[in-house]
Amino acid sequence: MKEVVIAGAGPNGLMLACELALAGVRPVVLERLTEPTDTQRANGLVGQVIRMLDRRGLYERLTAPGTTPEPAPRFTFGAFPLHLSDLPDNPLYTLLVPQRRIERMLAGRAAELGVDIRRGHEVIGLTQGEKSVTVELRDQDPIEAEFVVGADGGRSTVRKLAGIAFPGVTTDDSVSRTGHVSVDPDAVGADGGLAVPGFGVIPPYQHLRTEQGLIAWAPSPDGDPKLTTVEWGQPAEGEASLDELRASARRVLGADISLGPPTGPGPHLMRRLFGGNTRIAERYRAGRVLLLGDAAHVHSAIGGPGLNLGLQDAVNLGWKLAAEVRGHAAEGLLDTYESERHPAARRVAMHTQAQSLLTRPGGDVTALRALFGELLEQPTTRQHIAGLLSGADVTYAMGPATGPLVGHWAPDLPGLRDLTRTARPLLLDPTGTLDPGPWSPHVDTATVPGLDTALLLRPDCYIAWQGATNEGLHEALGMWFRAA
């Protein structure tokens, strides 16, 4: 019998596989597709997950050896420019890298850790028992596992087979068109903005709202640029085409963009999507079946929060599920996955719905935008929104432990990124005198001079305890780990 089966070899499923492997559990990853897809999806990463990848030693695999993340000086919210460089504590990080590169990197890391990835394996049935789940596969022998995790996307087969409802809101009054294109190189400025005669400049990597719709321009460092438009009340039929995208851009801007077909090697994207979904699974767990990433929540892609939310789900779930499998989880630990991550999904759903509303055409929205624009002039407003977009405002209940840092994600401390690569609980002790007692086999201890207080970090880098003496330390350890 396998310990854990993960359905889905996208970024979320692969990240979970890596986290489980670091904790000593070797999962089996089942993927319906026989080969990795080249379909262009997310353009990069936004939010706290970038620093989380750095703390696992994975950030430099997407950039260059020796590089570390830096906060973004600017971003966008609801088609407003969001200036961040003047914030005293800017938590918003971005990394422009195609999703297929992220998947390749995580697949390579999973292979290094001994994860068994099986392609061409489609889940068609689940049978739960008291101590295991049997996974039925199309044209393959069934697999029995202690736990099954559905990381198989918004149309999750695992979610449906587990009988987990997926309530939410569906809209059908908008049409989004996205395609890879080519433009006159002279029209692209040094900052990547696209000059459009008769209109002005479309800034890169932002949503630009007009009274007729929305447009976004995304030059790519390693491929063709991408143009997206969103309109309301515009019917469309037939195959999506460059002519259709060009006409849509003309309606949104009131001016023509000289668009040509993509010239790079591809794969090339040209698609049309109607409406959108905002849905969150009624529960993240049904017995021995759990949900992860888009299988647990779908929402608008505005602002790029999807991978930040899903990958952080994986980091939260990995150590808890591993502890359950290996028999050293505290009672009820696995249930905290839902109680901690479900609210995080609700916050992402909230801010993506709010942003989508701010981008709609119409005089009422224009008036709302005028007021919101005034609010964005205040640094405190921009600080709040930066925390919301990055996920840095997410905190968890840590029982009786107290202190200003308890429940928060650990700040960047000297040497921390090297101490967190193993994904083990970590006691940062400035004095070298604290004693984890019977929890010592489960906790790494590091003497870190210069800290004002000792900190106990969970494997997901959230602070479970802080103090100057052993007082409360064993109670905090007992809340999350079973003593050896």
Protein backbone atom coordinates (compact mmCIF):
# COMPACT_ATOMS: atom_id res chain seq x y z
CA MET A 1 0.00 0.00 0.00
CA LYS A 2 1.22 3.49 -0.89
CA GLU A 3 1.37 6.22 1.71
CA VAL A 4 0.01 9.09 -0.37
CA VAL A 5 -1.34 9.32 -3.91
CA ILE A 6 -1.53 12.78 -5.50
CA ALA A 7 -3.80 13.19 -8.51
CA GLY A 8 -2.35 15.91 -10.72
CA ALA A 9 1.22 16.81 -11.73
CA GLY A 10 0.73 20.54 -12.01
CA PRO A 11 2.72 22.97 -9.84
CA ASN A 12 0.55 22.41 -6.76
CA GLY A 13 0.67 18.63 -6.88
CA LEU A 14 4.42 18.63 -7.53
CA MET A 15 5.08 21.12 -4.73
CA LEU A 16 3.14 18.91 -2.33
CA ALA A 17 5.13 15.90 -3.52
CA CYS A 18 8.38 17.73 -2.76
CA GLU A 19 7.20 18.78 0.70
CA LEU A 20 6.11 15.22 1.54
CA ALA A 21 9.41 13.81 0.31
CA LEU A 22 11.38 16.25 2.47
CA ALA A 23 9.42 14.89 5.43
CA GLY A 24 10.26 11.28 4.58
CA VAL A 25 7.09 10.30 2.69
CA ARG A 26 7.46 9.18 -0.93
CA PRO A 27 4.15 9.90 -2.69
CA VAL A 28 2.97 8.60 -6.03
CA VAL A 29 1.86 11.36 -8.41
CA LEU A 30 -0.71 10.34 -11.03
CA GLU A 31 -1.15 12.53 -14.10
CA ARG A 32 -3.77 12.00 -16.79
CA LEU A 33 -1.65 13.62 -19.52
CA THR A 34 1.09 11.51 -21.05
CA GLU A 35 3.42 14.49 -21.54
CA PRO A 36 3.82 17.88 -19.85
CA THR A 37 1.64 20.47 -21.56
CA ASP A 38 3.17 23.39 -23.42
CA THR A 39 -0.04 25.41 -23.11
CA GLN A 40 0.76 28.89 -21.83
CA ARG A 41 -0.99 29.58 -18.53
CA ALA A 42 0.37 31.70 -15.69
CA ASN A 43 3.08 34.19 -16.63
CA GLY A 44 4.83 34.11 -13.28
CA LEU A 45 4.59 34.17 -9.53
CA VAL A 46 3.18 36.87 -7.29
CA GLY A 47 3.32 37.04 -3.52
CA GLN A 48 4.81 35.40 -0.50
CA VAL A 49 5.30 32.04 -2.21
CA ILE A 50 8.36 33.51 -3.95
CA ARG A 51 10.12 33.88 -0.61
CA MET A 52 8.85 30.44 0.39
CA LEU A 53 10.51 28.94 -2.68
CA ASP A 54 13.69 30.76 -1.73
CA ARG A 55 13.57 29.17 1.72
CA ARG A 56 13.39 25.76 0.07
CA GLY A 57 16.35 26.54 -2.21
CA LEU A 58 14.12 26.60 -5.30
CA TYR A 59 14.08 30.28 -6.22
CA GLU A 60 17.54 30.26 -7.77
CA ARG A 61 16.52 27.29 -9.93
CA LEU A 62 14.10 29.67 -11.65
CA THR A 63 16.50 32.60 -11.81
CA ALA A 64 20.26 32.26 -11.36
CA PRO A 65 22.50 30.78 -8.67
CA GLY A 66 23.07 33.14 -5.78
CA THR A 67 20.11 35.41 -6.52
CA THR A 68 17.56 36.31 -3.85
CA PRO A 69 14.07 37.80 -4.16
CA GLU A 70 13.52 41.53 -4.10
CA PRO A 71 10.19 43.30 -3.47
CA ALA A 72 8.43 44.79 -6.49
CA PRO A 73 8.49 48.60 -6.67
CA ARG A 74 5.09 48.62 -8.34
CA PHE A 75 2.17 46.34 -9.16
CA THR A 76 -1.49 46.70 -10.13
CA PHE A 77 -4.84 46.39 -8.37
CA GLY A 78 -8.17 46.57 -10.16
CA ALA A 79 -6.52 48.26 -13.18
CA PHE A 80 -4.96 50.90 -10.91
CA PRO A 81 -1.18 51.30 -10.74
CA LEU A 82 -0.06 50.30 -7.25
CA HIS A 83 3.11 52.13 -6.20
CA LEU A 84 5.01 50.25 -3.50
CA SER A 85 8.53 51.66 -3.37
CA ASP A 86 7.69 54.13 -0.58
CA LEU A 87 6.21 51.52 1.76
CA PRO A 88 8.15 50.94 4.99
CA ASP A 89 7.60 47.17 4.68
CA ASN A 90 6.83 46.04 1.14
CA PRO A 91 5.76 42.36 1.21
CA LEU A 92 4.88 42.04 -2.48
CA TYR A 93 7.34 40.05 -4.58
CA THR A 94 6.99 39.10 -8.24
CA LEU A 95 8.85 36.73 -10.55
CA LEU A 96 8.22 36.69 -14.29
CA VAL A 97 8.60 33.06 -15.33
CA PRO A 98 6.23 30.89 -17.42
CA GLN A 99 4.27 28.25 -15.55
CA ARG A 100 5.72 25.47 -17.69
CA ARG A 101 9.19 26.35 -16.36
CA ILE A 102 7.88 26.21 -12.80
CA GLU A 103 6.42 22.77 -13.50
CA ARG A 104 9.66 21.52 -15.03
CA MET A 105 11.64 22.78 -12.07
CA LEU A 106 9.33 21.18 -9.52
CA ALA A 107 9.21 17.92 -11.46
CA GLY A 108 13.00 17.84 -11.48
CA ARG A 109 13.19 18.51 -7.76
CA ALA A 110 10.57 15.84 -7.06
CA ALA A 111 12.59 13.33 -9.08
CA GLU A 112 15.71 14.21 -7.06
CA LEU A 113 13.74 13.44 -3.90
CA GLY A 114 12.62 10.04 -5.19
CA VAL A 115 9.01 10.89 -6.02
CA ASP A 116 7.26 8.43 -8.34
CA ILE A 117 5.51 10.43 -11.12
CA ARG A 118 3.31 8.30 -13.37
CA ARG A 119 1.96 9.90 -16.53
CA GLY A 120 -0.93 8.56 -18.55
CA HIS A 121 -2.76 7.52 -15.35
CA GLU A 122 -6.33 8.82 -15.20
CA VAL A 123 -8.34 8.55 -11.99
CA ILE A 124 -11.88 7.29 -12.60
CA GLY A 125 -12.96 6.04 -9.18
CA LEU A 126 -12.33 6.17 -5.42
CA THR A 127 -13.35 3.72 -2.73
CA GLN A 128 -12.71 4.74 0.85
CA GLY A 129 -12.13 2.27 3.64
CA GLU A 130 -11.40 2.79 7.30
CA LYS A 131 -7.61 2.87 6.83
CA SER A 132 -7.09 3.37 3.10
CA VAL A 133 -8.43 4.62 -0.21
CA THR A 134 -8.46 2.57 -3.39
CA VAL A 135 -7.87 4.63 -6.53
CA GLU A 136 -9.36 3.19 -9.70
CA LEU A 137 -7.56 4.08 -12.94
CA ARG A 138 -8.49 3.91 -16.59
CA ASP A 139 -6.74 0.94 -18.24
CA GLN A 140 -4.42 0.54 -15.22
CA ASP A 141 -4.44 -1.57 -12.07
CA PRO A 142 -5.97 0.14 -9.00
CA ILE A 143 -3.71 1.64 -6.33
CA GLU A 144 -4.36 1.53 -2.59
CA ALA A 145 -3.08 4.40 -0.45
CA GLU A 146 -3.44 5.74 3.06
CA PHE A 147 -4.44 9.16 1.70
CA VAL A 148 -5.37 10.65 -1.67
CA VAL A 149 -4.93 14.32 -2.56
CA GLY A 150 -6.82 15.85 -5.45
CA ALA A 151 -4.61 18.42 -7.16
CA ASP A 152 -6.37 17.88 -10.47
CA GLY A 153 -7.67 21.35 -11.26
CA GLY A 154 -10.93 23.26 -11.17
CA ARG A 155 -12.88 20.41 -12.75
CA SER A 156 -11.37 17.99 -10.23
CA THR A 157 -12.43 14.39 -10.68
CA VAL A 158 -11.23 13.61 -7.16
CA ARG A 159 -13.44 16.34 -5.68
CA LYS A 160 -16.48 15.02 -7.51
CA LEU A 161 -15.77 11.39 -6.59
CA ALA A 162 -15.36 12.41 -2.93
CA GLY A 163 -18.76 14.09 -3.00
CA ILE A 164 -17.45 17.52 -1.99
CA ALA A 165 -19.68 20.41 -3.07
CA PHE A 166 -18.17 23.36 -4.93
CA PRO A 167 -20.42 26.35 -4.22
CA GLY A 168 -19.85 29.80 -5.61
CA VAL A 169 -20.77 32.28 -8.31
CA THR A 170 -20.66 31.94 -12.10
CA THR A 171 -20.85 34.97 -14.38
CA ASP A 172 -21.46 34.83 -18.12
CA ASP A 173 -21.63 38.46 -19.28
CA SER A 174 -17.96 38.98 -20.15
CA VAL A 175 -15.72 37.69 -22.90
CA SER A 176 -11.95 37.53 -22.55
CA ARG A 177 -9.66 37.16 -25.55
CA THR A 178 -5.97 36.34 -25.22
CA GLY A 179 -3.38 35.65 -27.87
CA HIS A 180 0.31 35.68 -28.65
CA VAL A 181 1.04 38.41 -31.18
CA SER A 182 3.82 40.37 -32.82
CA VAL A 183 4.15 44.16 -32.98
CA ASP A 184 6.50 46.71 -34.47
CA PRO A 185 9.59 46.64 -32.19
CA ASP A 186 9.78 50.43 -32.42
CA ALA A 187 6.38 50.65 -30.70
CA VAL A 188 7.75 49.02 -27.55
CA GLY A 189 9.45 51.42 -25.15
CA ALA A 190 12.41 50.77 -22.88
CA ASP A 191 10.04 49.95 -20.02
CA GLY A 192 8.10 47.47 -22.17
CA GLY A 193 5.10 49.73 -22.73
CA LEU A 194 3.30 49.53 -26.10
CA ALA A 195 2.71 52.84 -27.91
CA VAL A 196 -0.63 52.97 -29.76
CA PRO A 197 -1.17 55.87 -32.19
CA GLY A 198 -4.32 57.78 -31.33
CA PHE A 199 -4.45 56.41 -27.78
CA GLY A 200 -1.13 56.53 -25.95
CA VAL A 201 0.93 53.90 -24.13
CA ILE A 202 -0.36 50.62 -22.74
CA PRO A 203 1.85 49.89 -19.72
CA PRO A 204 3.31 46.39 -19.47
CA TYR A 205 2.01 43.75 -17.05
CA GLN A 206 -0.95 45.85 -15.92
CA HIS A 207 -4.66 45.92 -16.57
CA LEU A 208 -5.76 49.11 -18.31
CA ARG A 209 -9.43 49.99 -18.00
CA THR A 210 -11.39 52.17 -20.41
CA GLU A 211 -15.12 52.92 -20.59
CA GLN A 212 -15.38 50.15 -23.18
CA GLY A 213 -13.44 47.34 -21.49
CA LEU A 214 -10.09 46.13 -20.29
CA ILE A 215 -6.76 45.48 -22.00
CA ALA A 216 -3.47 43.99 -20.81
CA TRP A 217 -0.12 43.85 -22.60
CA ALA A 218 2.54 41.37 -21.51
CA PRO A 219 5.91 41.31 -23.30
CA SER A 220 7.77 38.08 -22.65
CA PRO A 221 11.48 37.65 -21.93
CA ASP A 222 11.61 34.30 -23.72
CA GLY A 223 8.80 34.27 -26.27
CA ASP A 224 6.11 36.21 -28.09
CA PRO A 225 4.25 38.97 -26.28
CA LYS A 226 0.68 38.39 -25.22
CA LEU A 227 -2.34 40.68 -25.51
CA THR A 228 -5.58 40.26 -23.55
CA THR A 229 -8.87 42.11 -23.82
CA VAL A 230 -12.02 41.83 -21.73
CA GLU A 231 -15.38 43.16 -22.87
CA TRP A 232 -18.91 42.98 -21.56
CA GLY A 233 -21.98 42.33 -23.69
CA GLN A 234 -20.01 41.40 -26.81
CA PRO A 235 -21.19 38.10 -28.35
CA ALA A 236 -18.70 35.91 -30.17
CA GLU A 237 -18.75 32.60 -31.97
CA GLY A 238 -16.54 30.39 -34.08
CA GLU A 239 -12.80 29.88 -33.68
CA ALA A 240 -10.87 32.54 -31.77
CA SER A 241 -8.65 34.47 -34.18
CA LEU A 242 -6.14 37.28 -34.46
CA ASP A 243 -8.66 39.38 -36.39
CA GLU A 244 -11.14 39.02 -33.53
CA LEU A 245 -8.51 40.04 -30.96
CA ARG A 246 -7.50 43.00 -33.11
CA ALA A 247 -11.13 44.17 -33.42
CA SER A 248 -11.68 43.79 -29.69
CA ALA A 249 -8.60 45.89 -28.92
CA ARG A 250 -9.93 48.58 -31.29
CA ARG A 251 -13.26 48.70 -29.43
CA VAL A 252 -11.60 48.86 -26.01
CA LEU A 253 -9.06 51.56 -26.94
CA GLY A 254 -10.89 53.45 -29.67
CA ALA A 255 -7.70 53.10 -31.71
CA ASP A 256 -6.02 50.45 -33.86
CA ILE A 257 -3.10 48.34 -32.71
CA SER A 258 -0.97 46.95 -35.52
CA LEU A 259 -0.97 43.28 -34.49
CA GLY A 260 0.68 40.51 -36.46
CA PRO A 261 0.84 36.77 -35.88
CA PRO A 262 3.45 35.47 -33.41
CA THR A 263 6.88 34.82 -34.87
CA GLY A 264 8.50 32.70 -32.15
CA PRO A 265 8.68 28.90 -32.04
CA GLY A 266 5.59 28.56 -29.82
CA PRO A 267 3.49 27.02 -28.52
CA HIS A 268 1.18 29.89 -29.41
CA LEU A 269 -1.98 30.81 -27.54
CA MET A 270 -5.20 32.15 -29.06
CA ARG A 271 -8.27 31.65 -26.91
CA ARG A 272 -11.62 33.09 -25.96
CA LEU A 273 -13.22 32.62 -22.54
CA PHE A 274 -16.74 33.54 -21.47
CA GLY A 275 -17.62 34.67 -17.96
CA GLY A 276 -15.84 33.39 -14.90
CA ASN A 277 -16.14 31.30 -11.77
CA THR A 278 -15.48 32.07 -8.14
CA ARG A 279 -15.92 28.84 -6.16
CA ILE A 280 -14.49 27.36 -2.97
CA ALA A 281 -14.90 23.74 -1.95
CA GLU A 282 -17.37 23.25 0.88
CA ARG A 283 -14.65 21.31 2.70
CA TYR A 284 -11.04 20.45 1.95
CA ARG A 285 -11.20 16.96 3.39
CA ALA A 286 -13.57 14.00 3.13
CA GLY A 287 -12.16 11.16 5.21
CA ARG A 288 -8.85 10.19 3.65
CA VAL A 289 -9.31 12.40 0.59
CA LEU A 290 -8.03 15.99 0.56
CA LEU A 291 -8.15 18.80 -1.99
CA LEU A 292 -5.37 21.14 -3.08
CA GLY A 293 -5.04 24.19 -5.31
CA ASP A 294 -7.65 24.73 -8.03
CA ALA A 295 -9.43 21.55 -6.98
CA ALA A 296 -10.27 23.42 -3.76
CA HIS A 297 -10.82 26.93 -5.15
CA VAL A 298 -11.19 28.81 -8.44
CA HIS A 299 -11.35 32.57 -8.93
CA SER A 300 -10.51 35.31 -11.39
CA ALA A 301 -6.88 35.37 -12.54
CA ILE A 302 -6.71 39.16 -12.12
CA GLY A 303 -3.56 40.06 -10.21
CA GLY A 304 -2.10 36.55 -10.64
CA PRO A 305 -2.91 35.13 -7.17
CA GLY A 306 -3.57 31.52 -8.20
CA LEU A 307 -0.14 29.96 -7.80
CA ASN A 308 0.56 31.92 -4.63
CA LEU A 309 -2.59 30.48 -3.07
CA GLY A 310 -2.19 26.93 -4.37
CA LEU A 311 1.52 26.50 -3.68
CA GLN A 312 1.06 27.82 -0.16
CA ASP A 313 -1.74 25.29 0.28
CA ALA A 314 0.83 22.64 -0.60
CA VAL A 315 3.39 23.94 1.89
CA ASN A 316 0.74 24.05 4.62
CA LEU A 317 -0.54 20.54 3.89
CA GLY A 318 2.76 18.76 3.24
CA TRP A 319 4.23 18.61 6.74
CA LYS A 320 0.87 17.93 8.36
CA LEU A 321 0.01 15.03 6.06
CA ALA A 322 3.53 13.61 6.43
CA ALA A 323 3.25 13.77 10.23
CA GLU A 324 -0.09 11.95 10.06
CA VAL A 325 1.34 9.22 7.83
CA ARG A 326 4.47 8.78 9.94
CA GLY A 327 2.56 8.73 13.21
CA HIS A 328 3.94 11.81 14.94
CA ALA A 329 1.10 14.26 14.28
CA ALA A 330 -0.61 15.89 17.21
CA GLU A 331 -4.30 15.10 17.53
CA GLY A 332 -6.38 17.04 15.00
CA LEU A 333 -3.34 18.38 13.15
CA LEU A 334 -4.57 17.39 9.69
CA ASP A 335 -7.87 19.21 10.24
CA THR A 336 -5.98 22.49 10.63
CA TYR A 337 -5.19 22.38 6.91
CA GLU A 338 -8.78 23.36 6.13
CA SER A 339 -9.24 25.70 9.08
CA GLU A 340 -6.11 27.64 8.08
CA ARG A 341 -6.30 27.60 4.30
CA HIS A 342 -10.04 27.94 3.70
CA PRO A 343 -10.02 31.55 5.03
CA ALA A 344 -7.02 32.31 2.82
CA ALA A 345 -9.02 31.18 -0.22
CA ARG A 346 -11.95 33.36 0.84
CA ARG A 347 -9.67 36.41 0.97
CA VAL A 348 -8.36 35.75 -2.54
CA ALA A 349 -11.93 35.27 -3.80
CA MET A 350 -12.89 38.55 -2.14
CA HIS A 351 -10.13 40.67 -3.61
CA THR A 352 -10.34 39.18 -7.12
CA GLN A 353 -14.10 39.81 -7.18
CA ALA A 354 -13.52 43.37 -5.98
CA GLN A 355 -10.86 43.94 -8.62
CA SER A 356 -13.09 42.54 -11.35
CA LEU A 357 -15.85 44.94 -10.33
CA LEU A 358 -13.45 47.89 -10.48
CA THR A 359 -12.53 47.03 -14.08
CA ARG A 360 -16.06 46.97 -15.49
CA PRO A 361 -17.25 49.77 -17.79
CA GLY A 362 -19.93 52.29 -16.83
CA GLY A 363 -20.35 55.61 -15.10
CA ASP A 364 -21.06 54.10 -11.69
CA VAL A 365 -17.79 52.19 -11.80
CA THR A 366 -15.98 55.30 -12.98
CA ALA A 367 -17.26 57.16 -9.91
CA LEU A 368 -16.19 54.30 -7.65
CA ARG A 369 -12.75 54.34 -9.26
CA ALA A 370 -12.40 58.07 -8.63
CA LEU A 371 -12.95 57.49 -4.91
CA PHE A 372 -10.73 54.42 -4.82
CA GLY A 373 -7.98 56.33 -6.61
CA GLU A 374 -8.01 58.90 -3.81
CA LEU A 375 -7.69 56.14 -1.22
CA LEU A 376 -4.68 54.72 -3.06
CA GLU A 377 -2.84 57.97 -2.49
CA GLN A 378 -2.56 56.95 1.17
CA PRO A 379 0.47 54.75 1.99
CA THR A 380 -1.56 52.90 4.63
CA THR A 381 -4.06 51.82 1.97
CA ARG A 382 -1.32 50.62 -0.35
CA GLN A 383 0.37 48.78 2.54
CA HIS A 384 -2.90 47.01 3.32
CA ILE A 385 -3.47 46.02 -0.30
CA ALA A 386 0.13 44.84 -0.71
CA GLY A 387 -0.35 42.53 2.28
CA LEU A 388 -3.64 41.30 0.83
CA LEU A 389 -2.23 40.57 -2.64
CA SER A 390 0.94 38.92 -1.32
CA GLY A 391 -0.76 36.79 1.33
CA ALA A 392 1.53 38.34 3.94
CA ASP A 393 -1.54 39.34 5.96
CA VAL A 394 -2.50 35.68 6.53
CA THR A 395 -2.10 34.68 10.17
CA TYR A 396 -2.94 31.45 11.98
CA ALA A 397 -4.23 30.75 15.48
CA MET A 398 -1.47 29.21 17.59
CA GLY A 399 -3.34 28.25 20.74
CA PRO A 400 -2.13 29.78 24.01
CA ALA A 401 1.18 31.04 22.59
CA THR A 402 1.44 34.83 22.71
CA GLY A 403 3.74 37.50 21.33
CA PRO A 404 3.65 40.02 18.49
CA LEU A 405 5.16 37.55 16.00
CA VAL A 406 3.10 34.48 16.94
CA GLY A 407 0.85 33.34 14.10
CA HIS A 408 2.74 35.36 11.50
CA TRP A 409 5.07 34.14 8.78
CA ALA A 410 8.66 34.42 9.94
CA PRO A 411 10.46 37.56 8.77
CA ASP A 412 13.63 37.32 6.73
CA LEU A 413 16.38 36.74 9.29
CA PRO A 414 20.11 36.26 8.63
CA GLY A 415 20.77 32.64 7.65
CA LEU A 416 17.11 31.62 7.76
CA ARG A 417 16.89 30.66 4.08
CA ASP A 418 19.62 28.06 4.65
CA LEU A 419 18.01 26.67 7.81
CA THR A 420 14.57 26.09 6.25
CA ARG A 421 15.54 24.03 3.20
CA THR A 422 14.85 20.73 4.98
CA ALA A 423 11.23 21.68 5.79
CA ARG A 424 11.62 20.64 9.43
CA PRO A 425 10.34 22.47 12.51
CA LEU A 426 12.98 24.95 13.62
CA LEU A 427 13.74 26.45 17.02
CA LEU A 428 15.73 29.67 16.71
CA ASP A 429 17.44 30.15 20.06
CA PRO A 430 19.58 33.26 20.59
CA THR A 431 21.01 31.91 23.86
CA GLY A 432 21.52 28.23 23.04
CA THR A 433 19.86 27.26 26.33
CA LEU A 434 16.35 26.21 25.32
CA ASP A 435 15.40 22.54 25.50
CA PRO A 436 12.75 20.96 23.21
CA GLY A 437 12.69 17.97 25.55
CA PRO A 438 10.94 14.87 24.17
CA TRP A 439 10.23 16.72 20.91
CA SER A 440 13.96 16.98 20.11
CA PRO A 441 13.87 14.29 17.37
CA HIS A 442 11.28 16.31 15.47
CA VAL A 443 12.83 19.78 15.81
CA ASP A 444 16.04 21.33 14.50
CA THR A 445 17.62 23.87 16.85
CA ALA A 446 19.84 26.70 15.70
CA THR A 447 21.64 29.28 17.80
CA VAL A 448 21.03 32.64 16.15
CA PRO A 449 22.81 35.47 17.97
CA GLY A 450 21.22 38.87 17.75
CA LEU A 451 17.59 37.81 18.01
CA ASP A 452 15.56 39.62 20.65
CA THR A 453 13.49 36.51 21.31
CA ALA A 454 13.51 32.80 20.62
CA LEU A 455 11.16 31.61 17.86
CA LEU A 456 9.61 28.24 17.07
CA LEU A 457 8.91 27.92 13.34
CA ARG A 458 6.62 25.33 11.87
CA PRO A 459 7.86 23.74 8.62
CA ASP A 460 5.75 26.25 6.64
CA CYS A 461 7.70 29.05 8.36
CA TYR A 462 4.82 30.28 10.51
CA ILE A 463 5.79 31.21 14.07
CA ALA A 464 4.16 28.90 16.62
CA TRP A 465 5.83 30.33 19.75
CA GLN A 466 8.15 33.05 20.92
CA GLY A 467 9.78 33.64 24.28
CA ALA A 468 12.95 34.04 26.28
CA THR A 469 12.75 30.89 28.40
CA ASN A 470 11.28 27.39 28.12
CA GLU A 471 7.96 28.71 29.40
CA GLY A 472 5.21 27.68 26.99
CA LEU A 473 7.63 26.02 24.56
CA HIS A 474 6.67 22.43 25.31
CA GLU A 475 2.99 23.33 25.22
CA ALA A 476 3.45 24.84 21.76
CA LEU A 477 5.41 21.81 20.55
CA GLY A 478 2.69 19.52 21.87
CA MET A 479 0.06 21.43 19.94
CA TRP A 480 1.71 20.60 16.60
CA PHE A 481 3.82 17.47 17.18
CA ARG A 482 3.56 14.24 19.12
CA ALA A 483 6.47 13.75 21.54
CA ALA A 484 8.93 11.03 20.66
